[in-house]
């Protein structure tokens, strides 16, 4: 059983976390490049938040949204 968990440790530490170790070592020389993944994810999330808000506004303008407080039976 111990060999199984050591195998999992080897998989993650020696193979799957290598890109993260490279980013960690890159942080000492260039902070911007080390955080490139974070910046990319923030930009993608911001884009889709704006997109979702625009879609909600379209439904609001077309009066397609049901804002009746009794729209659900548990709200009666």
N, C-alpha and C. Protein backbone atom coordinates (compact mmCIF):
# COMPACT_ATOMS: atom_id res chain seq x y z
N UNK A 1 0.83 -1.19 0.00
CA UNK A 1 0.00 0.00 0.00
C UNK A 1 0.88 1.25 0.00
N UNK A 2 2.00 1.19 0.69
CA UNK A 2 2.89 2.35 0.75
C UNK A 2 3.43 2.68 -0.64
N UNK A 3 3.72 1.66 -1.42
CA UNK A 3 4.25 1.86 -2.77
C UNK A 3 3.22 2.57 -3.66
N UNK A 4 1.94 2.29 -3.45
CA UNK A 4 0.89 2.94 -4.22
C UNK A 4 0.90 4.44 -3.99
N UNK A 5 0.96 4.85 -2.72
CA UNK A 5 0.95 6.28 -2.42
C UNK A 5 2.25 6.95 -2.83
N UNK A 6 3.36 6.24 -2.75
CA UNK A 6 4.63 6.80 -3.24
C UNK A 6 4.61 6.95 -4.76
N UNK A 7 3.90 6.05 -5.43
CA UNK A 7 3.74 6.18 -6.88
C UNK A 7 2.93 7.42 -7.24
N UNK A 8 1.86 7.69 -6.48
CA UNK A 8 1.07 8.90 -6.69
C UNK A 8 1.93 10.13 -6.44
N UNK A 9 2.74 10.09 -5.39
CA UNK A 9 3.63 11.21 -5.08
C UNK A 9 4.61 11.45 -6.22
N UNK A 10 5.20 10.38 -6.73
CA UNK A 10 6.14 10.51 -7.83
C UNK A 10 5.47 11.09 -9.07
N UNK A 11 4.27 10.62 -9.36
CA UNK A 11 3.54 11.14 -10.52
C UNK A 11 3.35 12.64 -10.43
N UNK A 12 2.88 13.11 -9.29
CA UNK A 12 2.59 14.53 -9.17
C UNK A 12 3.85 15.37 -9.02
N UNK A 13 4.76 14.97 -8.14
CA UNK A 13 5.93 15.80 -7.85
C UNK A 13 6.91 15.81 -9.01
N UNK A 14 7.15 14.66 -9.62
CA UNK A 14 8.18 14.57 -10.65
C UNK A 14 7.68 14.86 -12.06
N UNK A 15 6.36 14.80 -12.28
CA UNK A 15 5.87 14.98 -13.65
C UNK A 15 4.83 16.10 -13.78
N UNK A 16 3.76 16.01 -13.02
CA UNK A 16 2.64 16.93 -13.24
C UNK A 16 2.89 18.33 -12.68
N UNK A 17 3.73 18.47 -11.66
CA UNK A 17 3.99 19.78 -11.08
C UNK A 17 5.22 20.46 -11.67
N UNK A 18 5.85 19.88 -12.67
CA UNK A 18 7.04 20.48 -13.28
C UNK A 18 6.74 21.86 -13.87
N UNK A 19 5.62 22.06 -14.61
CA UNK A 19 5.33 23.41 -15.11
C UNK A 19 5.15 24.44 -14.00
N UNK A 20 4.54 24.02 -12.89
CA UNK A 20 4.37 24.96 -11.78
C UNK A 20 5.70 25.29 -11.12
N UNK A 21 6.61 24.32 -11.06
CA UNK A 21 7.94 24.60 -10.53
C UNK A 21 8.69 25.58 -11.42
N UNK A 22 8.51 25.44 -12.73
CA UNK A 22 9.14 26.39 -13.66
C UNK A 22 8.59 27.80 -13.46
N UNK A 23 7.28 27.91 -13.28
CA UNK A 23 6.68 29.23 -13.03
C UNK A 23 7.18 29.82 -11.71
N UNK A 24 7.36 28.96 -10.70
CA UNK A 24 7.84 29.44 -9.41
C UNK A 24 9.28 29.95 -9.52
N UNK A 25 10.10 29.27 -10.29
CA UNK A 25 11.48 29.74 -10.45
C UNK A 25 11.54 30.98 -11.34
N UNK A 26 10.61 31.11 -12.27
CA UNK A 26 10.55 32.27 -13.15
C UNK A 26 10.15 33.53 -12.39
N UNK A 27 9.41 33.35 -11.30
CA UNK A 27 8.92 34.50 -10.53
C UNK A 27 10.06 35.36 -9.99
N UNK A 28 11.17 34.76 -9.69
CA UNK A 28 12.31 35.52 -9.15
C UNK A 28 12.91 36.45 -10.19
N UNK A 29 12.80 36.09 -11.47
CA UNK A 29 13.39 36.93 -12.51
C UNK A 29 12.37 37.85 -13.18
N UNK A 30 11.13 37.37 -13.39
CA UNK A 30 10.13 38.18 -14.07
C UNK A 30 8.75 37.86 -13.51
N UNK A 31 8.22 38.77 -12.71
CA UNK A 31 6.94 38.56 -12.06
C UNK A 31 5.80 38.50 -13.07
N UNK A 32 5.84 39.31 -14.11
CA UNK A 32 4.77 39.38 -15.09
C UNK A 32 4.62 38.06 -15.85
N UNK A 33 5.72 37.49 -16.29
CA UNK A 33 5.65 36.22 -17.01
C UNK A 33 5.20 35.09 -16.09
N UNK A 34 5.63 35.13 -14.84
CA UNK A 34 5.24 34.08 -13.91
C UNK A 34 3.74 34.10 -13.64
N UNK A 35 3.12 35.25 -13.74
CA UNK A 35 1.68 35.36 -13.49
C UNK A 35 0.86 35.45 -14.78
N UNK A 36 1.45 35.06 -15.87
CA UNK A 36 0.76 35.10 -17.16
C UNK A 36 -0.49 34.24 -17.16
N UNK A 37 -0.44 33.08 -16.54
CA UNK A 37 -1.61 32.21 -16.48
C UNK A 37 -2.74 32.89 -15.71
N UNK A 38 -2.41 33.51 -14.60
CA UNK A 38 -3.43 34.20 -13.80
C UNK A 38 -4.04 35.35 -14.57
N UNK A 39 -3.20 36.13 -15.24
CA UNK A 39 -3.72 37.27 -16.01
C UNK A 39 -4.63 36.77 -17.13
N UNK A 40 -4.24 35.69 -17.79
CA UNK A 40 -5.05 35.15 -18.88
C UNK A 40 -6.41 34.69 -18.37
N UNK A 41 -6.43 33.99 -17.25
CA UNK A 41 -7.70 33.53 -16.70
C UNK A 41 -8.57 34.70 -16.25
N UNK A 42 -7.97 35.74 -15.69
CA UNK A 42 -8.75 36.91 -15.29
C UNK A 42 -9.36 37.62 -16.49
N UNK A 43 -8.63 37.70 -17.59
CA UNK A 43 -9.15 38.34 -18.80
C UNK A 43 -10.30 37.52 -19.38
N UNK A 44 -10.14 36.20 -19.42
CA UNK A 44 -11.21 35.34 -19.94
C UNK A 44 -12.46 35.45 -19.08
N UNK A 45 -12.30 35.40 -17.77
CA UNK A 45 -13.45 35.51 -16.87
C UNK A 45 -14.12 36.88 -16.99
N UNK A 46 -13.35 37.93 -17.11
CA UNK A 46 -13.92 39.27 -17.26
C UNK A 46 -14.74 39.38 -18.54
N UNK A 47 -14.22 38.81 -19.62
CA UNK A 47 -14.94 38.83 -20.88
C UNK A 47 -16.30 38.15 -20.74
N UNK A 48 -16.32 36.98 -20.13
CA UNK A 48 -17.58 36.24 -20.03
C UNK A 48 -18.54 36.84 -19.01
N UNK A 49 -18.04 37.53 -18.02
CA UNK A 49 -18.93 38.25 -17.11
C UNK A 49 -19.63 39.39 -17.85
N UNK A 50 -18.88 40.13 -18.66
CA UNK A 50 -19.48 41.21 -19.45
C UNK A 50 -20.48 40.63 -20.46
N UNK A 51 -20.11 39.52 -21.09
CA UNK A 51 -21.02 38.87 -22.04
C UNK A 51 -22.32 38.46 -21.36
N UNK A 52 -22.21 37.85 -20.17
CA UNK A 52 -23.40 37.39 -19.46
C UNK A 52 -24.28 38.57 -19.05
N UNK A 53 -23.67 39.65 -18.61
CA UNK A 53 -24.45 40.84 -18.23
C UNK A 53 -25.18 41.42 -19.43
N UNK A 54 -24.54 41.43 -20.59
CA UNK A 54 -25.21 41.92 -21.80
C UNK A 54 -26.38 41.02 -22.19
N UNK A 55 -26.21 39.71 -22.06
CA UNK A 55 -27.31 38.79 -22.36
C UNK A 55 -28.47 38.99 -21.39
N UNK A 56 -28.17 39.19 -20.12
CA UNK A 56 -29.22 39.46 -19.15
C UNK A 56 -29.95 40.76 -19.48
N UNK A 57 -29.21 41.76 -19.93
CA UNK A 57 -29.83 43.04 -20.29
C UNK A 57 -30.74 42.88 -21.51
N UNK A 58 -30.33 42.04 -22.47
CA UNK A 58 -31.18 41.79 -23.64
C UNK A 58 -32.51 41.16 -23.23
N UNK A 59 -32.45 40.19 -22.31
CA UNK A 59 -33.69 39.56 -21.84
C UNK A 59 -34.53 40.55 -21.04
N UNK A 60 -33.89 41.40 -20.31
CA UNK A 60 -34.60 42.42 -19.53
C UNK A 60 -35.31 43.39 -20.47
N UNK A 61 -34.63 43.81 -21.54
CA UNK A 61 -35.22 44.76 -22.49
C UNK A 61 -36.38 44.14 -23.27
N UNK A 62 -36.35 42.83 -23.53
CA UNK A 62 -37.42 42.15 -24.27
C UNK A 62 -38.56 41.69 -23.37
N UNK A 63 -38.49 42.02 -22.09
CA UNK A 63 -39.49 41.59 -21.11
C UNK A 63 -39.68 40.08 -21.09
N UNK A 64 -38.60 39.34 -21.30
CA UNK A 64 -38.66 37.88 -21.29
C UNK A 64 -38.41 37.32 -19.89
N UNK A 65 -37.97 38.16 -19.00
CA UNK A 65 -37.63 37.68 -17.67
C UNK A 65 -38.87 37.74 -16.78
N UNK A 66 -39.15 36.64 -16.11
CA UNK A 66 -40.30 36.57 -15.21
C UNK A 66 -39.86 37.04 -13.84
N UNK A 67 -40.29 38.24 -13.45
CA UNK A 67 -39.89 38.80 -12.16
C UNK A 67 -41.02 38.73 -11.15
N UNK A 68 -42.02 37.94 -11.42
CA UNK A 68 -43.12 37.76 -10.48
C UNK A 68 -42.61 36.99 -9.26
N UNK A 69 -42.95 37.45 -8.10
CA UNK A 69 -42.44 36.80 -6.89
C UNK A 69 -43.06 35.43 -6.67
N UNK A 70 -44.14 35.12 -7.38
CA UNK A 70 -44.73 33.79 -7.26
C UNK A 70 -44.34 32.91 -8.45
N UNK A 71 -43.22 33.19 -9.06
CA UNK A 71 -42.77 32.39 -10.20
C UNK A 71 -42.44 30.96 -9.75
N UNK A 72 -42.07 30.79 -8.51
CA UNK A 72 -41.76 29.47 -7.98
C UNK A 72 -42.73 29.16 -6.86
N UNK A 73 -43.11 27.89 -6.76
CA UNK A 73 -44.12 27.51 -5.78
C UNK A 73 -43.64 27.71 -4.36
N UNK A 74 -42.33 27.63 -4.11
CA UNK A 74 -41.85 27.79 -2.74
C UNK A 74 -41.83 29.24 -2.29
N UNK A 75 -42.12 30.21 -3.16
CA UNK A 75 -42.13 31.61 -2.80
C UNK A 75 -43.52 32.13 -2.46
N UNK A 76 -44.51 31.28 -2.48
CA UNK A 76 -45.89 31.73 -2.22
C UNK A 76 -46.10 32.06 -0.78
